Each structure stands twice: as structure tokens, then as C-alpha cells.
PDB file of all heavy atoms in Angstrom:
ATOM      1  N   ILE A   1      97.892 111.246  94.660  1.00  0.00           N
ATOM      2  CA  ILE A   1      97.975 112.494  95.529  1.00  0.00           C
ATOM      3  C   ILE A   1      97.029 113.515  95.094  1.00  0.00           C
ATOM      4  O   ILE A   1      96.973 113.909  93.854  1.00  0.00           O
ATOM      5  CB  ILE A   1      99.444 112.990  95.397  1.00  0.00           C
ATOM      6  CG1 ILE A   1     100.488 111.902  95.885  1.00  0.00           C
ATOM      7  CG2 ILE A   1      99.529 114.309  96.308  1.00  0.00           C
ATOM      8  CD1 ILE A   1     101.897 112.437  95.786  1.00  0.00           C
ATOM      9  N   THR A   2      96.273 114.046  96.094  1.00  0.00           N
ATOM     10  CA  THR A   2      95.327 115.150  95.802  1.00  0.00           C
ATOM     11  C   THR A   2      95.606 116.184  96.809  1.00  0.00           C
ATOM     12  O   THR A   2      96.212 115.967  97.833  1.00  0.00           O
ATOM     13  CB  THR A   2      93.825 114.712  95.857  1.00  0.00           C
ATOM     14  OG1 THR A   2      93.629 114.139  97.041  1.00  0.00           O
ATOM     15  CG2 THR A   2      93.585 113.651  94.743  1.00  0.00           C
ATOM     16  N   GLY A   3      95.048 117.377  96.567  1.00  0.00           N
ATOM     17  CA  GLY A   3      95.083 118.495  97.529  1.00  0.00           C
ATOM     18  C   GLY A   3      93.757 118.785  98.178  1.00  0.00           C
ATOM     19  O   GLY A   3      92.723 118.541  97.525  1.00  0.00           O
ATOM     20  N   ALA A   4      93.867 119.373  99.383  1.00  0.00           N
ATOM     21  CA  ALA A   4      92.645 119.745 100.076  1.00  0.00           C
ATOM     22  C   ALA A   4      91.879 120.741  99.248  1.00  0.00           C
ATOM     23  O   ALA A   4      90.596 120.862  99.325  1.00  0.00           O
ATOM     24  CB  ALA A   4      92.907 120.210 101.435  1.00  0.00           C
ATOM     25  N   TYR A   5      92.578 121.505  98.474  1.00  0.00           N
ATOM     26  CA  TYR A   5      91.987 122.603  97.603  1.00  0.00           C
ATOM     27  C   TYR A   5      91.812 122.195  96.205  1.00  0.00           C
ATOM     28  O   TYR A   5      91.746 123.081  95.241  1.00  0.00           O
ATOM     29  CB  TYR A   5      92.746 123.926  97.782  1.00  0.00           C
ATOM     30  CG  TYR A   5      92.730 124.355  99.221  1.00  0.00           C
ATOM     31  CD1 TYR A   5      93.941 124.147  99.980  1.00  0.00           C
ATOM     32  CD2 TYR A   5      91.665 124.990  99.794  1.00  0.00           C
ATOM     33  CE1 TYR A   5      93.850 124.567 101.322  1.00  0.00           C
ATOM     34  CE2 TYR A   5      91.690 125.419 101.123  1.00  0.00           C
ATOM     35  CZ  TYR A   5      92.872 125.217 101.855  1.00  0.00           C
ATOM     36  OH  TYR A   5      92.901 125.609 103.130  1.00  0.00           O
ATOM     37  N   ASP A   6      91.961 120.929  95.876  1.00  0.00           N
ATOM     38  CA  ASP A   6      91.828 120.400  94.604  1.00  0.00           C
ATOM     39  C   ASP A   6      90.418 120.528  93.936  1.00  0.00           C
ATOM     40  O   ASP A   6      89.503 120.862  94.730  1.00  0.00           O
ATOM     41  CB  ASP A   6      92.341 118.966  94.511  1.00  0.00           C
ATOM     42  CG  ASP A   6      93.005 118.586  93.185  1.00  0.00           C
ATOM     43  OD1 ASP A   6      92.709 119.103  92.166  1.00  0.00           O
ATOM     44  OD2 ASP A   6      94.053 117.822  93.312  1.00  0.00           O
ATOM     45  N   ILE A   7      90.194 120.198  92.731  1.00  0.00           N
ATOM     46  CA  ILE A   7      88.810 120.222  92.067  1.00  0.00           C
ATOM     47  C   ILE A   7      88.093 119.187  92.732  1.00  0.00           C
ATOM     48  O   ILE A   7      88.498 118.064  93.083  1.00  0.00           O
ATOM     49  CB  ILE A   7      88.995 119.974  90.650  1.00  0.00           C
ATOM     50  CG1 ILE A   7      89.877 121.057  89.924  1.00  0.00           C
ATOM     51  CG2 ILE A   7      87.699 119.825  89.947  1.00  0.00           C
ATOM     52  CD1 ILE A   7      90.188 120.764  88.408  1.00  0.00           C
ATOM     53  N   GLY A   8      86.732 119.537  93.068  1.00  0.00           N
ATOM     54  CA  GLY A   8      85.859 118.642  93.855  1.00  0.00           C
ATOM     55  C   GLY A   8      85.677 117.180  93.261  1.00  0.00           C
ATOM     56  O   GLY A   8      85.894 116.296  94.144  1.00  0.00           O
ATOM     57  N   ARG A   9      85.530 117.089  92.001  1.00  0.00           N
ATOM     58  CA  ARG A   9      85.389 115.720  91.452  1.00  0.00           C
ATOM     59  C   ARG A   9      86.671 114.915  91.557  1.00  0.00           C
ATOM     60  O   ARG A   9      86.598 113.718  91.715  1.00  0.00           O
ATOM     61  CB  ARG A   9      84.994 115.857  89.957  1.00  0.00           C
ATOM     62  CG  ARG A   9      83.606 116.495  89.838  1.00  0.00           C
ATOM     63  CD  ARG A   9      83.133 116.516  88.314  1.00  0.00           C
ATOM     64  NE  ARG A   9      83.088 115.084  87.774  1.00  0.00           N
ATOM     65  CZ  ARG A   9      83.050 114.743  86.466  1.00  0.00           C
ATOM     66  NH1 ARG A   9      83.091 115.726  85.612  1.00  0.00           N
ATOM     67  NH2 ARG A   9      82.942 113.441  86.069  1.00  0.00           N
ATOM     68  N   ILE A  10      87.820 115.562  91.571  1.00  0.00           N
ATOM     69  CA  ILE A  10      89.052 114.843  91.700  1.00  0.00           C
ATOM     70  C   ILE A  10      89.126 114.404  93.197  1.00  0.00           C
ATOM     71  O   ILE A  10      89.615 113.264  93.469  1.00  0.00           O
ATOM     72  CB  ILE A  10      90.261 115.661  91.398  1.00  0.00           C
ATOM     73  CG1 ILE A  10      90.326 115.968  89.799  1.00  0.00           C
ATOM     74  CG2 ILE A  10      91.578 115.228  91.910  1.00  0.00           C
ATOM     75  CD1 ILE A  10      91.317 116.844  89.273  1.00  0.00           C
ATOM     76  N   ARG A  11      88.849 115.261  94.054  1.00  0.00           N
ATOM     77  CA  ARG A  11      88.875 114.820  95.514  1.00  0.00           C
ATOM     78  C   ARG A  11      87.912 113.657  95.797  1.00  0.00           C
ATOM     79  O   ARG A  11      88.238 112.784  96.547  1.00  0.00           O
ATOM     80  CB  ARG A  11      88.530 116.038  96.402  1.00  0.00           C
ATOM     81  CG  ARG A  11      89.474 117.154  96.427  1.00  0.00           C
ATOM     82  CD  ARG A  11      89.284 118.051  97.647  1.00  0.00           C
ATOM     83  NE  ARG A  11      87.890 118.339  97.949  1.00  0.00           N
ATOM     84  CZ  ARG A  11      87.322 119.447  97.408  1.00  0.00           C
ATOM     85  NH1 ARG A  11      87.971 120.300  96.633  1.00  0.00           N
ATOM     86  NH2 ARG A  11      86.039 119.730  97.666  1.00  0.00           N
ATOM     87  N   GLN A  12      86.765 113.634  95.145  1.00  0.00           N
ATOM     88  CA  GLN A  12      85.780 112.589  95.313  1.00  0.00           C
ATOM     89  C   GLN A  12      86.320 111.227  94.671  1.00  0.00           C
ATOM     90  O   GLN A  12      85.930 110.172  95.108  1.00  0.00           O
ATOM     91  CB  GLN A  12      84.439 112.944  94.721  1.00  0.00           C
ATOM     92  CG  GLN A  12      83.848 114.166  95.464  1.00  0.00           C
ATOM     93  CD  GLN A  12      82.670 114.765  94.735  1.00  0.00           C
ATOM     94  OE1 GLN A  12      82.190 114.252  93.642  1.00  0.00           O
ATOM     95  NE2 GLN A  12      82.173 115.852  95.193  1.00  0.00           N
ATOM     96  N   PHE A  13      87.061 111.355  93.532  1.00  0.00           N
ATOM     97  CA  PHE A  13      87.402 110.301  92.720  1.00  0.00           C
ATOM     98  C   PHE A  13      88.502 109.424  93.395  1.00  0.00           C
ATOM     99  O   PHE A  13      88.516 108.254  93.373  1.00  0.00           O
ATOM    100  CB  PHE A  13      87.947 110.667  91.389  1.00  0.00           C
ATOM    101  CG  PHE A  13      88.479 109.661  90.484  1.00  0.00           C
ATOM    102  CD1 PHE A  13      87.677 108.497  90.037  1.00  0.00           C
ATOM    103  CD2 PHE A  13      89.870 109.717  90.153  1.00  0.00           C
ATOM    104  CE1 PHE A  13      88.325 107.524  89.289  1.00  0.00           C
ATOM    105  CE2 PHE A  13      90.431 108.647  89.308  1.00  0.00           C
ATOM    106  CZ  PHE A  13      89.649 107.611  88.859  1.00  0.00           C
ATOM    107  N   ALA A  14      89.395 110.099  94.187  1.00  0.00           N
ATOM    108  CA  ALA A  14      90.630 109.518  94.772  1.00  0.00           C
ATOM    109  C   ALA A  14      90.155 108.341  95.665  1.00  0.00           C
ATOM    110  O   ALA A  14      90.844 107.292  95.587  1.00  0.00           O
ATOM    111  CB  ALA A  14      91.570 110.519  95.406  1.00  0.00           C
ATOM    112  N   PRO A  15      89.282 108.611  96.608  1.00  0.00           N
ATOM    113  CA  PRO A  15      88.976 107.489  97.554  1.00  0.00           C
ATOM    114  C   PRO A  15      88.291 106.250  96.898  1.00  0.00           C
ATOM    115  O   PRO A  15      88.424 105.154  97.247  1.00  0.00           O
ATOM    116  CB  PRO A  15      88.139 108.111  98.541  1.00  0.00           C
ATOM    117  CG  PRO A  15      87.539 109.386  97.976  1.00  0.00           C
ATOM    118  CD  PRO A  15      88.680 109.799  97.024  1.00  0.00           C
ATOM    119  N   ILE A  16      87.569 106.588  95.669  1.00  0.00           N
ATOM    120  CA  ILE A  16      87.032 105.380  94.999  1.00  0.00           C
ATOM    121  C   ILE A  16      88.135 104.542  94.395  1.00  0.00           C
ATOM    122  O   ILE A  16      88.055 103.342  94.505  1.00  0.00           O
ATOM    123  CB  ILE A  16      86.107 105.944  93.905  1.00  0.00           C
ATOM    124  CG1 ILE A  16      84.909 106.750  94.543  1.00  0.00           C
ATOM    125  CG2 ILE A  16      85.603 104.918  92.885  1.00  0.00           C
ATOM    126  CD1 ILE A  16      84.061 107.475  93.464  1.00  0.00           C
ATOM    127  N   MET A  17      89.089 105.102  93.829  1.00  0.00           N
ATOM    128  CA  MET A  17      90.179 104.508  93.266  1.00  0.00           C
ATOM    129  C   MET A  17      90.991 103.783  94.291  1.00  0.00           C
ATOM    130  O   MET A  17      91.515 102.596  94.279  1.00  0.00           O
ATOM    131  CB  MET A  17      91.111 105.345  92.397  1.00  0.00           C
ATOM    132  CG  MET A  17      90.468 105.928  91.182  1.00  0.00           C
ATOM    133  SD  MET A  17      89.798 104.603  90.107  1.00  0.00           S
ATOM    134  CE  MET A  17      91.268 103.718  89.716  1.00  0.00           C
ATOM    135  N   ASN A  18      91.085 104.440  95.408  1.00  0.00           N
ATOM    136  CA  ASN A  18      91.836 103.728  96.668  1.00  0.00           C
ATOM    137  C   ASN A  18      91.141 102.548  97.032  1.00  0.00           C
ATOM    138  O   ASN A  18      91.741 101.455  97.306  1.00  0.00           O
ATOM    139  CB  ASN A  18      91.834 104.684  97.778  1.00  0.00           C
ATOM    140  CG  ASN A  18      92.759 104.327  98.927  1.00  0.00           C
ATOM    141  OD1 ASN A  18      93.866 103.809  98.719  1.00  0.00           O
ATOM    142  ND2 ASN A  18      92.287 104.441 100.090  1.00  0.00           N
ATOM    143  N   ASP A  19      89.874 102.533  97.006  1.00  0.00           N
ATOM    144  CA  ASP A  19      89.090 101.213  97.307  1.00  0.00           C
ATOM    145  C   ASP A  19      89.215 100.253  96.316  1.00  0.00           C
ATOM    146  O   ASP A  19      89.267  98.932  96.603  1.00  0.00           O
ATOM    147  CB  ASP A  19      87.626 101.626  97.622  1.00  0.00           C
ATOM    148  CG  ASP A  19      87.317 102.413  98.802  1.00  0.00           C
ATOM    149  OD1 ASP A  19      88.252 102.388  99.678  1.00  0.00           O
ATOM    150  OD2 ASP A  19      86.296 103.106  98.917  1.00  0.00           O
ATOM    151  N   LEU A  20      89.305 100.626  95.107  1.00  0.00           N
ATOM    152  CA  LEU A  20      89.312  99.751  93.909  1.00  0.00           C
ATOM    153  C   LEU A  20      90.602  98.763  93.999  1.00  0.00           C
ATOM    154  O   LEU A  20      90.489  97.590  93.737  1.00  0.00           O
ATOM    155  CB  LEU A  20      89.320 100.398  92.566  1.00  0.00           C
ATOM    156  CG  LEU A  20      89.564  99.646  91.264  1.00  0.00           C
ATOM    157  CD1 LEU A  20      88.350  98.636  91.061  1.00  0.00           C
ATOM    158  CD2 LEU A  20      89.688 100.511  90.084  1.00  0.00           C
ATOM    159  N   GLY A  21      91.665  99.471  94.300  1.00  0.00           N
ATOM    160  CA  GLY A  21      93.014  98.808  94.255  1.00  0.00           C
ATOM    161  C   GLY A  21      93.698  98.365  95.534  1.00  0.00           C
ATOM    162  O   GLY A  21      94.782  97.924  95.442  1.00  0.00           O
ATOM    163  N   SER A  22      92.903  98.502  96.552  1.00  0.00           N
ATOM    164  CA  SER A  22      93.442  98.195  97.782  1.00  0.00           C
ATOM    165  C   SER A  22      93.943  96.736  97.931  1.00  0.00           C
ATOM    166  O   SER A  22      93.337  95.891  97.294  1.00  0.00           O
ATOM    167  CB  SER A  22      92.457  98.473  99.061  1.00  0.00           C
ATOM    168  OG  SER A  22      92.957  98.106 100.254  1.00  0.00           O
ATOM    169  N   PRO A  23      95.151  96.465  98.498  1.00  0.00           N
ATOM    170  CA  PRO A  23      96.046  97.322  99.225  1.00  0.00           C
ATOM    171  C   PRO A  23      97.106  97.964  98.499  1.00  0.00           C
ATOM    172  O   PRO A  23      97.939  98.661  99.103  1.00  0.00           O
ATOM    173  CB  PRO A  23      96.558  96.324 100.314  1.00  0.00           C
ATOM    174  CG  PRO A  23      96.687  95.051  99.527  1.00  0.00           C
ATOM    175  CD  PRO A  23      95.620  95.078  98.593  1.00  0.00           C
ATOM    176  N   HIS A  24      97.352  97.811  97.165  1.00  0.00           N
ATOM    177  CA  HIS A  24      98.494  98.261  96.508  1.00  0.00           C
ATOM    178  C   HIS A  24      98.320  99.675  96.047  1.00  0.00           C
ATOM    179  O   HIS A  24      99.259 100.288  95.443  1.00  0.00           O
ATOM    180  CB  HIS A  24      98.825  97.320  95.337  1.00  0.00           C
ATOM    181  CG  HIS A  24      97.952  97.395  94.187  1.00  0.00           C
ATOM    182  ND1 HIS A  24      96.689  96.829  94.203  1.00  0.00           N
ATOM    183  CD2 HIS A  24      98.070  98.056  92.984  1.00  0.00           C
ATOM    184  CE1 HIS A  24      96.187  97.018  92.991  1.00  0.00           C
ATOM    185  NE2 HIS A  24      97.007  97.753  92.277  1.00  0.00           N
ATOM    186  N   ILE A  25      97.125 100.351  96.228  1.00  0.00           N
ATOM    187  CA  ILE A  25      96.978 101.733  96.005  1.00  0.00           C
ATOM    188  C   ILE A  25      96.970 102.514  97.260  1.00  0.00           C
ATOM    189  O   ILE A  25      96.318 102.089  98.266  1.00  0.00           O
ATOM    190  CB  ILE A  25      95.641 101.952  95.279  1.00  0.00           C
ATOM    191  CG1 ILE A  25      95.635 101.284  93.839  1.00  0.00           C
ATOM    192  CG2 ILE A  25      95.487 103.494  95.091  1.00  0.00           C
ATOM    193  CD1 ILE A  25      94.468 101.440  93.065  1.00  0.00           C
ATOM    194  N   GLU A  26      97.805 103.588  97.325  1.00  0.00           N
ATOM    195  CA  GLU A  26      97.913 104.474  98.499  1.00  0.00           C
ATOM    196  C   GLU A  26      97.410 105.825  98.173  1.00  0.00           C
ATOM    197  O   GLU A  26      97.742 106.315  97.017  1.00  0.00           O
ATOM    198  CB  GLU A  26      99.383 104.473  98.996  1.00  0.00           C
ATOM    199  CG  GLU A  26      99.504 105.189 100.306  1.00  0.00           C
ATOM    200  CD  GLU A  26     100.991 105.128 100.851  1.00  0.00           C
ATOM    201  OE1 GLU A  26     101.760 104.390 100.262  1.00  0.00           O
ATOM    202  OE2 GLU A  26     101.189 105.785 101.886  1.00  0.00           O
ATOM    203  N   TRP A  27      96.620 106.449  98.975  1.00  0.00           N
ATOM    204  CA  TRP A  27      96.184 107.803  98.604  1.00  0.00           C
ATOM    205  C   TRP A  27      96.612 108.809  99.602  1.00  0.00           C
ATOM    206  O   TRP A  27      96.486 108.642 100.874  1.00  0.00           O
ATOM    207  CB  TRP A  27      94.663 107.817  98.624  1.00  0.00           C
ATOM    208  CG  TRP A  27      94.020 109.110  98.517  1.00  0.00           C
ATOM    209  CD1 TRP A  27      94.391 110.154  97.740  1.00  0.00           C
ATOM    210  CD2 TRP A  27      92.838 109.614  99.150  1.00  0.00           C
ATOM    211  NE1 TRP A  27      93.590 111.301  97.930  1.00  0.00           N
ATOM    212  CE2 TRP A  27      92.552 110.823  98.784  1.00  0.00           C
ATOM    213  CE3 TRP A  27      91.840 108.950 100.039  1.00  0.00           C
ATOM    214  CZ2 TRP A  27      91.472 111.619  99.292  1.00  0.00           C
ATOM    215  CZ3 TRP A  27      90.784 109.674 100.404  1.00  0.00           C
ATOM    216  CH2 TRP A  27      90.593 110.898 100.087  1.00  0.00           C
TER     217      TRP A  27
END
């Protein structure tokens, strides 16, 4: 879970991790 106003690098990291673990990772 991230926020639209979260730190930039955190917002960029989440979709990368989402791709790494798909389908058992949900973002």
C-alpha cells in the first residue's frame, strides 16, 4: 500500500515489486 502523496522513490518501487511477485502480490 502506498499513497498518492508518498515519497517519490516509494511510489516508483511499488509497481516494480508488484511485477516481481505477480500474481500473489497486490498493490
